[in-house]
Amino acid sequence: MAIVWSGFSTLAELFQWRRYIKLLLAVPVLVVLAVGSYKMGLQKGSMTENAFHSSESRVRRDVIQTPNSSSQIIIKTGGATYTRWGRTECPSGSDAVYSGIAGGSWYDHTGGGSNHLCLPTDPLWGRYNETNEKGSKLYGAEYQAPSGIDLKHFGGRSAHDHNMPCVVCRSQTKISVIMIPARNLCYDDWTLEYAGYLMAGHFVHKGRYQYVCVDESPEADPAGYRNEDGALFYNVEGVCGSLPCPPYVPRREITCAVCTK
């Protein structure tokens, strides 16, 4: 068999050039395949994203349209936490993280903490030394002559000197929470968790406390009816002057509302 070539000195050189030519011819094909694969990836990604948003919207519609459905929703929202002062249970739509008793510093001490605490009834201890007195003290809390509140949980008796319970709640669907003083209703687009009365320490006492919203229909620790003091909760009233009157009115109990969204 005769082999004919021109411009090449050896068969090896000819075969090498043939390989170069095949690679050059294959480049456009590879580019086309790469572009096609890229477009298909974009289409699949777009379809996946659309499917995700469609599914997300469908879940949201299910939650809105069938709030009382017994079907289980896998995707959970919520997370807003708040303390319901004066009660042992959370409102509907919120789960109890824990219930406990209100506490704080002694009402007439000049030092110590200035905030009230919701203390759990099952404390855990780390390292401790019972032989040394500590520099800061923690006490329980009592209602002091509260007015305006509903006393149905006290059998119509005064809540004065009764120990105050509390419960820490987590909303199942809401992510923001605020306490609004001087209102017992929430503003538009906010959900009322509970309404009550603003309370704090007495103005002649040395200790100072943050204002808290105590439920308008409070409960009490059944064992805590003795006058043992501790952190004391008093109703709050407005004083005209720098506080405009109206809309505020002197001697009226200041209300409050805990709202979520």
C-alpha atoms as a PDB file:
ATOM      1  CA  MET A   1       0.000   0.000   0.000  1.00  0.00           C
ATOM      2  CA  ALA A   2       1.359   3.413  -1.000  1.00  0.00           C
ATOM      3  CA  ILE A   3       1.301   6.363   1.466  1.00  0.00           C
ATOM      4  CA  VAL A   4       1.443   9.899   0.019  1.00  0.00           C
ATOM      5  CA  TRP A   5       2.107  13.111   2.010  1.00  0.00           C
ATOM      6  CA  SER A   6       3.490  16.588   1.273  1.00  0.00           C
ATOM      7  CA  GLY A   7       5.311  19.061   3.544  1.00  0.00           C
ATOM      8  CA  PHE A   8       5.980  16.532   6.304  1.00  0.00           C
ATOM      9  CA  SER A   9       9.321  14.864   6.753  1.00  0.00           C
ATOM     10  CA  THR A  10       8.042  11.846   8.722  1.00  0.00           C
ATOM     11  CA  LEU A  11       4.875   9.908   9.399  1.00  0.00           C
ATOM     12  CA  ALA A  12       5.136  10.872  13.095  1.00  0.00           C
ATOM     13  CA  GLU A  13       5.029  14.581  12.212  1.00  0.00           C
ATOM     14  CA  LEU A  14       1.950  14.015  10.043  1.00  0.00           C
ATOM     15  CA  PHE A  15       0.100  12.164  12.798  1.00  0.00           C
ATOM     16  CA  GLN A  16       0.964  14.910  15.287  1.00  0.00           C
ATOM     17  CA  TRP A  17      -0.552  17.582  13.042  1.00  0.00           C
ATOM     18  CA  ARG A  18      -3.676  15.442  12.549  1.00  0.00           C
ATOM     19  CA  ARG A  19      -4.158  15.393  16.318  1.00  0.00           C
ATOM     20  CA  TYR A  20      -3.920  19.216  16.465  1.00  0.00           C
ATOM     21  CA  ILE A  21      -6.538  19.532  13.732  1.00  0.00           C
ATOM     22  CA  LYS A  22      -8.947  17.170  15.557  1.00  0.00           C
ATOM     23  CA  LEU A  23      -8.588  19.204  18.761  1.00  0.00           C
ATOM     24  CA  LEU A  24      -9.274  22.460  16.907  1.00  0.00           C
ATOM     25  CA  LEU A  25     -12.361  20.972  15.284  1.00  0.00           C
ATOM     26  CA  ALA A  26     -13.618  19.708  18.659  1.00  0.00           C
ATOM     27  CA  VAL A  27     -13.384  23.111  20.440  1.00  0.00           C
ATOM     28  CA  PRO A  28     -16.664  24.572  19.024  1.00  0.00           C
ATOM     29  CA  VAL A  29     -18.492  21.380  19.975  1.00  0.00           C
ATOM     30  CA  LEU A  30     -17.189  21.579  23.558  1.00  0.00           C
ATOM     31  CA  VAL A  31     -18.199  25.241  23.786  1.00  0.00           C
ATOM     32  CA  VAL A  32     -21.701  24.464  22.564  1.00  0.00           C
ATOM     33  CA  LEU A  33     -22.039  21.607  25.061  1.00  0.00           C
ATOM     34  CA  ALA A  34     -20.791  23.793  27.905  1.00  0.00           C
ATOM     35  CA  VAL A  35     -23.188  26.617  27.062  1.00  0.00           C
ATOM     36  CA  GLY A  36     -26.080  24.190  26.783  1.00  0.00           C
ATOM     37  CA  SER A  37     -25.251  22.613  30.111  1.00  0.00           C
ATOM     38  CA  TYR A  38     -25.025  26.049  31.735  1.00  0.00           C
ATOM     39  CA  LYS A  39     -28.445  27.066  30.377  1.00  0.00           C
ATOM     40  CA  MET A  40     -29.982  23.825  31.578  1.00  0.00           C
ATOM     41  CA  GLY A  41     -28.489  24.464  35.026  1.00  0.00           C
ATOM     42  CA  LEU A  42     -30.025  27.926  35.111  1.00  0.00           C
ATOM     43  CA  GLN A  43     -33.394  26.546  34.086  1.00  0.00           C
ATOM     44  CA  LYS A  44     -33.228  23.831  36.739  1.00  0.00           C
ATOM     45  CA  GLY A  45     -32.136  26.363  39.362  1.00  0.00           C
ATOM     46  CA  SER A  46     -34.973  28.685  38.393  1.00  0.00           C
ATOM     47  CA  MET A  47     -37.448  25.811  38.520  1.00  0.00           C
ATOM     48  CA  THR A  48     -36.135  24.768  41.945  1.00  0.00           C
ATOM     49  CA  GLU A  49     -36.328  28.322  43.264  1.00  0.00           C
ATOM     50  CA  ASN A  50     -39.845  28.765  41.888  1.00  0.00           C
ATOM     51  CA  ALA A  51     -40.893  25.469  43.415  1.00  0.00           C
ATOM     52  CA  PHE A  52     -39.460  26.559  46.778  1.00  0.00           C
ATOM     53  CA  HIS A  53     -41.290  29.893  46.741  1.00  0.00           C
ATOM     54  CA  SER A  54     -44.465  28.173  45.598  1.00  0.00           C
ATOM     55  CA  SER A  55     -44.192  25.662  48.435  1.00  0.00           C
ATOM     56  CA  GLU A  56     -43.390  28.423  50.935  1.00  0.00           C
ATOM     57  CA  SER A  57     -46.403  30.433  49.798  1.00  0.00           C
ATOM     58  CA  ARG A  58     -48.577  27.337  50.005  1.00  0.00           C
ATOM     59  CA  VAL A  59     -47.447  26.690  53.586  1.00  0.00           C
ATOM     60  CA  ARG A  60     -48.132  30.293  54.523  1.00  0.00           C
ATOM     61  CA  ARG A  61     -51.600  30.106  52.969  1.00  0.00           C
ATOM     62  CA  ASP A  62     -52.294  26.906  54.875  1.00  0.00           C
ATOM     63  CA  VAL A  63     -51.296  28.537  58.134  1.00  0.00           C
ATOM     64  CA  ILE A  64     -53.463  31.590  57.459  1.00  0.00           C
ATOM     65  CA  GLN A  65     -56.498  29.827  56.018  1.00  0.00           C
ATOM     66  CA  THR A  66     -56.645  26.906  58.449  1.00  0.00           C
ATOM     67  CA  PRO A  67     -55.378  28.176  61.817  1.00  0.00           C
ATOM     68  CA  ASN A  68     -57.478  25.593  63.674  1.00  0.00           C
ATOM     69  CA  SER A  69     -56.493  22.676  61.462  1.00  0.00           C
ATOM     70  CA  SER A  70     -55.334  19.531  63.239  1.00  0.00           C
ATOM     71  CA  SER A  71     -52.746  18.871  60.554  1.00  0.00           C
ATOM     72  CA  GLN A  72     -49.153  19.279  61.670  1.00  0.00           C
ATOM     73  CA  ILE A  73     -47.138  22.144  60.167  1.00  0.00           C
ATOM     74  CA  ILE A  74     -43.456  21.272  59.894  1.00  0.00           C
ATOM     75  CA  ILE A  75     -42.195  24.818  59.311  1.00  0.00           C
ATOM     76  CA  LYS A  76     -42.389  26.713  62.617  1.00  0.00           C
ATOM     77  CA  THR A  77     -42.241  30.463  63.194  1.00  0.00           C
ATOM     78  CA  GLY A  78     -42.588  32.611  66.281  1.00  0.00           C
ATOM     79  CA  GLY A  79     -40.063  33.076  69.034  1.00  0.00           C
ATOM     80  CA  ALA A  80     -41.171  36.288  70.775  1.00  0.00           C
ATOM     81  CA  THR A  81     -40.769  35.820  74.541  1.00  0.00           C
ATOM     82  CA  TYR A  82     -42.297  37.803  77.392  1.00  0.00           C
ATOM     83  CA  THR A  83     -43.119  37.458  81.089  1.00  0.00           C
ATOM     84  CA  ARG A  84     -46.741  37.416  82.186  1.00  0.00           C
ATOM     85  CA  TRP A  85     -46.550  38.936  85.661  1.00  0.00           C
ATOM     86  CA  GLY A  86     -49.209  37.791  88.120  1.00  0.00           C
ATOM     87  CA  ARG A  87     -50.288  34.641  86.277  1.00  0.00           C
ATOM     88  CA  THR A  88     -49.203  30.997  86.065  1.00  0.00           C
ATOM     89  CA  GLU A  89     -50.363  30.213  82.510  1.00  0.00           C
ATOM     90  CA  CYS A  90     -49.687  31.755  79.121  1.00  0.00           C
ATOM     91  CA  PRO A  91     -52.393  33.164  76.832  1.00  0.00           C
ATOM     92  CA  SER A  92     -53.691  31.111  73.916  1.00  0.00           C
ATOM     93  CA  GLY A  93     -51.138  31.018  71.100  1.00  0.00           C
ATOM     94  CA  SER A  94     -48.128  31.014  73.428  1.00  0.00           C
ATOM     95  CA  ASP A  95     -46.273  28.164  75.121  1.00  0.00           C
ATOM     96  CA  ALA A  96     -45.001  28.306  78.700  1.00  0.00           C
ATOM     97  CA  VAL A  97     -41.210  28.147  78.920  1.00  0.00           C
ATOM     98  CA  TYR A  98     -41.485  27.901  82.709  1.00  0.00           C
ATOM     99  CA  SER A  99     -43.655  29.255  85.512  1.00  0.00           C
ATOM    100  CA  GLY A 100     -42.352  30.579  88.798  1.00  0.00           C
ATOM    101  CA  ILE A 101     -42.476  33.346  91.380  1.00  0.00           C
ATOM    102  CA  ALA A 102     -41.656  37.034  91.063  1.00  0.00           C
ATOM    103  CA  GLY A 103     -38.578  38.229  92.919  1.00  0.00           C
ATOM    104  CA  GLY A 104     -36.144  41.076  93.304  1.00  0.00           C
ATOM    105  CA  SER A 105     -34.210  43.183  95.806  1.00  0.00           C
ATOM    106  CA  TRP A 106     -35.594  44.298  99.178  1.00  0.00           C
ATOM    107  CA  TYR A 107     -37.904  47.252  98.630  1.00  0.00           C
ATOM    108  CA  ASP A 108     -35.959  49.687 100.851  1.00  0.00           C
ATOM    109  CA  HIS A 109     -32.350  48.716 100.133  1.00  0.00           C
ATOM    110  CA  THR A 110     -30.219  51.319  98.410  1.00  0.00           C
ATOM    111  CA  GLY A 111     -28.224  48.773  96.437  1.00  0.00           C
ATOM    112  CA  GLY A 112     -28.792  45.468  94.675  1.00  0.00           C
ATOM    113  CA  GLY A 113     -30.610  44.733  91.455  1.00  0.00           C
ATOM    114  CA  SER A 114     -33.181  47.130  90.015  1.00  0.00           C
ATOM    115  CA  ASN A 115     -35.101  44.679  87.851  1.00  0.00           C
ATOM    116  CA  HIS A 116     -37.741  42.143  88.777  1.00  0.00           C
ATOM    117  CA  LEU A 117     -37.072  38.470  88.010  1.00  0.00           C
ATOM    118  CA  CYS A 118     -39.346  35.558  87.241  1.00  0.00           C
ATOM    119  CA  LEU A 119     -37.681  32.853  89.340  1.00  0.00           C
ATOM    120  CA  PRO A 120     -38.219  29.166  88.463  1.00  0.00           C
ATOM    121  CA  THR A 121     -39.427  26.803  91.189  1.00  0.00           C
ATOM    122  CA  ASP A 122     -36.774  24.202  90.344  1.00  0.00           C
ATOM    123  CA  PRO A 123     -33.419  25.984  90.805  1.00  0.00           C
ATOM    124  CA  LEU A 124     -30.140  24.255  90.009  1.00  0.00           C
ATOM    125  CA  TRP A 125     -26.905  24.935  91.907  1.00  0.00           C
ATOM    126  CA  GLY A 126     -23.306  25.205  90.833  1.00  0.00           C
ATOM    127  CA  ARG A 127     -20.442  25.589  93.315  1.00  0.00           C
ATOM    128  CA  TYR A 128     -21.634  27.193  96.565  1.00  0.00           C
ATOM    129  CA  ASN A 129     -20.357  28.236  99.987  1.00  0.00           C
ATOM    130  CA  GLU A 130     -23.019  28.460 102.684  1.00  0.00           C
ATOM    131  CA  THR A 131     -20.603  29.755 105.327  1.00  0.00           C
ATOM    132  CA  ASN A 132     -20.168  33.219 103.772  1.00  0.00           C
ATOM    133  CA  GLU A 133     -22.861  35.916 103.547  1.00  0.00           C
ATOM    134  CA  LYS A 134     -23.252  37.262 100.009  1.00  0.00           C
ATOM    135  CA  GLY A 135     -23.188  40.940  99.131  1.00  0.00           C
ATOM    136  CA  SER A 136     -26.401  40.929  97.107  1.00  0.00           C
ATOM    137  CA  LYS A 137     -29.777  39.608  98.253  1.00  0.00           C
ATOM    138  CA  LEU A 138     -32.743  38.141  96.398  1.00  0.00           C
ATOM    139  CA  TYR A 139     -36.287  38.129  97.826  1.00  0.00           C
ATOM    140  CA  GLY A 140     -39.748  37.140  96.757  1.00  0.00           C
ATOM    141  CA  ALA A 141     -42.371  39.714  95.784  1.00  0.00           C
ATOM    142  CA  GLU A 142     -45.784  40.829  97.044  1.00  0.00           C
ATOM    143  CA  TYR A 143     -48.716  42.839  95.765  1.00  0.00           C
ATOM    144  CA  GLN A 144     -49.221  46.041  97.738  1.00  0.00           C
ATOM    145  CA  ALA A 145     -52.821  47.325  97.949  1.00  0.00           C
ATOM    146  CA  PRO A 146     -53.383  46.884  94.199  1.00  0.00           C
ATOM    147  CA  SER A 147     -56.395  48.733  92.820  1.00  0.00           C
ATOM    148  CA  GLY A 148     -58.232  48.366  89.548  1.00  0.00           C
ATOM    149  CA  ILE A 149     -57.359  44.684  89.144  1.00  0.00           C
ATOM    150  CA  ASP A 150     -59.898  41.878  88.959  1.00  0.00           C
ATOM    151  CA  LEU A 151     -59.796  39.890  92.211  1.00  0.00           C
ATOM    152  CA  LYS A 152     -61.722  36.834  90.998  1.00  0.00           C
ATOM    153  CA  HIS A 153     -58.667  34.626  91.573  1.00  0.00           C
ATOM    154  CA  PHE A 154     -58.607  35.798  95.209  1.00  0.00           C
ATOM    155  CA  GLY A 155     -62.273  35.008  95.849  1.00  0.00           C
ATOM    156  CA  GLY A 156     -63.006  38.721  95.983  1.00  0.00           C
ATOM    157  CA  ARG A 157     -60.452  39.295  98.763  1.00  0.00           C
ATOM    158  CA  SER A 158     -57.702  41.882  98.552  1.00  0.00           C
ATOM    159  CA  ALA A 159     -54.466  40.789  96.900  1.00  0.00           C
ATOM    160  CA  HIS A 160     -52.499  42.882  99.387  1.00  0.00           C
ATOM    161  CA  ASP A 161     -49.416  41.062 100.802  1.00  0.00           C
ATOM    162  CA  HIS A 162     -49.972  37.992  98.613  1.00  0.00           C
ATOM    163  CA  ASN A 163     -46.928  36.613  96.797  1.00  0.00           C
ATOM    164  CA  MET A 164     -46.898  37.155  93.044  1.00  0.00           C
ATOM    165  CA  PRO A 165     -46.485  34.296  90.545  1.00  0.00           C
ATOM    166  CA  CYS A 166     -45.246  34.668  86.968  1.00  0.00           C
ATOM    167  CA  VAL A 167     -44.775  32.681  83.790  1.00  0.00           C
ATOM    168  CA  VAL A 168     -42.348  33.119  80.887  1.00  0.00           C
ATOM    169  CA  CYS A 169     -44.099  32.648  77.551  1.00  0.00           C
ATOM    170  CA  ARG A 170     -42.987  32.061  73.965  1.00  0.00           C
ATOM    171  CA  SER A 171     -45.297  32.984  71.103  1.00  0.00           C
ATOM    172  CA  GLN A 172     -45.974  30.230  68.562  1.00  0.00           C
ATOM    173  CA  THR A 173     -46.303  32.615  65.611  1.00  0.00           C
ATOM    174  CA  LYS A 174     -45.061  36.114  66.569  1.00  0.00           C
ATOM    175  CA  ILE A 175     -41.463  37.327  66.453  1.00  0.00           C
ATOM    176  CA  SER A 176     -41.677  40.793  68.079  1.00  0.00           C
ATOM    177  CA  VAL A 177     -42.994  41.831  71.490  1.00  0.00           C
ATOM    178  CA  ILE A 178     -43.486  45.193  73.217  1.00  0.00           C
ATOM    179  CA  MET A 179     -45.029  46.413  76.453  1.00  0.00           C
ATOM    180  CA  ILE A 180     -47.140  49.530  75.892  1.00  0.00           C
ATOM    181  CA  PRO A 181     -47.737  51.638  79.021  1.00  0.00           C
ATOM    182  CA  ALA A 182     -50.942  53.658  79.488  1.00  0.00           C
ATOM    183  CA  ARG A 183     -52.949  51.457  77.101  1.00  0.00           C
ATOM    184  CA  ASN A 184     -54.887  48.234  77.595  1.00  0.00           C
ATOM    185  CA  LEU A 185     -55.290  47.679  73.854  1.00  0.00           C
ATOM    186  CA  CYS A 186     -52.634  47.223  71.176  1.00  0.00           C
ATOM    187  CA  TYR A 187     -52.163  49.424  68.144  1.00  0.00           C
ATOM    188  CA  ASP A 188     -53.214  48.261  64.681  1.00  0.00           C
ATOM    189  CA  ASP A 189     -51.552  45.101  63.331  1.00  0.00           C
ATOM    190  CA  TRP A 190     -50.402  44.043  66.817  1.00  0.00           C
ATOM    191  CA  THR A 191     -51.898  41.157  68.829  1.00  0.00           C
ATOM    192  CA  LEU A 192     -52.827  41.554  72.496  1.00  0.00           C
ATOM    193  CA  GLU A 193     -51.227  38.875  74.681  1.00  0.00           C
ATOM    194  CA  TYR A 194     -52.524  40.286  77.940  1.00  0.00           C
ATOM    195  CA  ALA A 195     -53.598  43.602  79.454  1.00  0.00           C
ATOM    196  CA  GLY A 196     -53.097  44.856  82.972  1.00  0.00           C
ATOM    197  CA  TYR A 197     -51.770  47.614  85.171  1.00  0.00           C
ATOM    198  CA  LEU A 198     -48.343  49.202  85.333  1.00  0.00           C
ATOM    199  CA  MET A 199     -46.590  48.514  88.639  1.00  0.00           C
ATOM    200  CA  ALA A 200     -43.277  49.420  90.271  1.00  0.00           C
ATOM    201  CA  GLY A 201     -41.764  50.201  93.679  1.00  0.00           C
ATOM    202  CA  HIS A 202     -43.118  52.924  95.979  1.00  0.00           C
ATOM    203  CA  PHE A 203     -41.784  56.419  95.289  1.00  0.00           C
ATOM    204  CA  VAL A 204     -40.687  56.985  98.927  1.00  0.00           C
ATOM    205  CA  HIS A 205     -38.692  53.763  99.108  1.00  0.00           C
ATOM    206  CA  LYS A 206     -34.949  53.830  98.534  1.00  0.00           C
ATOM    207  CA  GLY A 207     -34.898  50.969  96.073  1.00  0.00           C
ATOM    208  CA  ARG A 208     -35.793  51.513  92.436  1.00  0.00           C
ATOM    209  CA  TYR A 209     -37.436  49.031  90.106  1.00  0.00           C
ATOM    210  CA  GLN A 210     -38.276  48.830  86.463  1.00  0.00           C
ATOM    211  CA  TYR A 211     -41.939  49.196  85.529  1.00  0.00           C
ATOM    212  CA  VAL A 212     -43.667  45.923  84.695  1.00  0.00           C
ATOM    213  CA  CYS A 213     -47.110  45.062  83.349  1.00  0.00           C
ATOM    214  CA  VAL A 214     -49.066  42.992  85.902  1.00  0.00           C
ATOM    215  CA  ASP A 215     -52.043  41.040  84.575  1.00  0.00           C
ATOM    216  CA  GLU A 216     -55.413  42.698  85.199  1.00  0.00           C
ATOM    217  CA  SER A 217     -56.748  39.432  86.655  1.00  0.00           C
ATOM    218  CA  PRO A 218     -53.793  38.211  88.751  1.00  0.00           C
ATOM    219  CA  GLU A 219     -53.303  35.054  90.736  1.00  0.00           C
ATOM    220  CA  ALA A 220     -51.301  34.481  93.896  1.00  0.00           C
ATOM    221  CA  ASP A 221     -49.086  31.849  95.440  1.00  0.00           C
ATOM    222  CA  PRO A 222     -51.530  30.036  97.773  1.00  0.00           C
ATOM    223  CA  ALA A 223     -48.826  29.635 100.416  1.00  0.00           C
ATOM    224  CA  GLY A 224     -47.680  33.242 100.223  1.00  0.00           C
ATOM    225  CA  TYR A 225     -50.321  35.288 101.992  1.00  0.00           C
ATOM    226  CA  ARG A 226     -48.218  36.501 104.944  1.00  0.00           C
ATOM    227  CA  ASN A 227     -46.771  40.008 105.119  1.00  0.00           C
ATOM    228  CA  GLU A 228     -43.123  39.104 104.506  1.00  0.00           C
ATOM    229  CA  ASP A 229     -42.320  41.996 102.141  1.00  0.00           C
ATOM    230  CA  GLY A 230     -39.375  41.716  99.758  1.00  0.00           C
ATOM    231  CA  ALA A 231     -39.801  43.273  96.333  1.00  0.00           C
ATOM    232  CA  LEU A 232     -43.116  45.182  96.437  1.00  0.00           C
ATOM    233  CA  PHE A 233     -45.464  45.960  93.563  1.00  0.00           C
ATOM    234  CA  TYR A 234     -47.520  49.186  93.672  1.00  0.00           C
ATOM    235  CA  ASN A 235     -49.916  50.681  91.170  1.00  0.00           C
ATOM    236  CA  VAL A 236     -48.625  53.665  89.197  1.00  0.00           C
ATOM    237  CA  GLU A 237     -50.410  56.993  88.726  1.00  0.00           C
ATOM    238  CA  GLY A 238     -49.546  59.998  86.605  1.00  0.00           C
ATOM    239  CA  VAL A 239     -48.515  63.412  87.954  1.00  0.00           C
ATOM    240  CA  CYS A 240     -49.483  66.430  85.861  1.00  0.00           C
ATOM    241  CA  GLY A 241     -46.801  68.908  84.859  1.00  0.00           C
ATOM    242  CA  SER A 242     -44.147  67.648  82.518  1.00  0.00           C
ATOM    243  CA  LEU A 243     -46.638  64.809  81.999  1.00  0.00           C
ATOM    244  CA  PRO A 244     -49.430  66.446  79.933  1.00  0.00           C
ATOM    245  CA  CYS A 245     -52.943  66.451  81.426  1.00  0.00           C
ATOM    246  CA  PRO A 246     -54.977  65.761  79.413  1.00  0.00           C
ATOM    247  CA  PRO A 247     -54.603  63.195  77.971  1.00  0.00           C
ATOM    248  CA  TYR A 248     -53.358  61.877  81.330  1.00  0.00           C
ATOM    249  CA  VAL A 249     -55.536  62.236  84.431  1.00  0.00           C
ATOM    250  CA  PRO A 250     -54.159  62.374  87.992  1.00  0.00           C
ATOM    251  CA  ARG A 251     -54.978  59.567  90.444  1.00  0.00           C
ATOM    252  CA  ARG A 252     -55.954  57.140  87.712  1.00  0.00           C
ATOM    253  CA  GLU A 253     -54.187  53.764  87.611  1.00  0.00           C
ATOM    254  CA  ILE A 254     -51.895  53.552  84.581  1.00  0.00           C
ATOM    255  CA  THR A 255     -52.820  50.575  82.405  1.00  0.00           C
ATOM    256  CA  CYS A 256     -50.550  48.518  80.161  1.00  0.00           C
ATOM    257  CA  ALA A 257     -50.642  45.956  77.355  1.00  0.00           C
ATOM    258  CA  VAL A 258     -48.202  43.331  76.149  1.00  0.00           C
ATOM    259  CA  CYS A 259     -48.427  43.068  72.368  1.00  0.00           C
ATOM    260  CA  THR A 260     -46.843  40.827  69.740  1.00  0.00           C
ATOM    261  CA  LYS A 261     -46.440  40.865  65.981  1.00  0.00           C
END
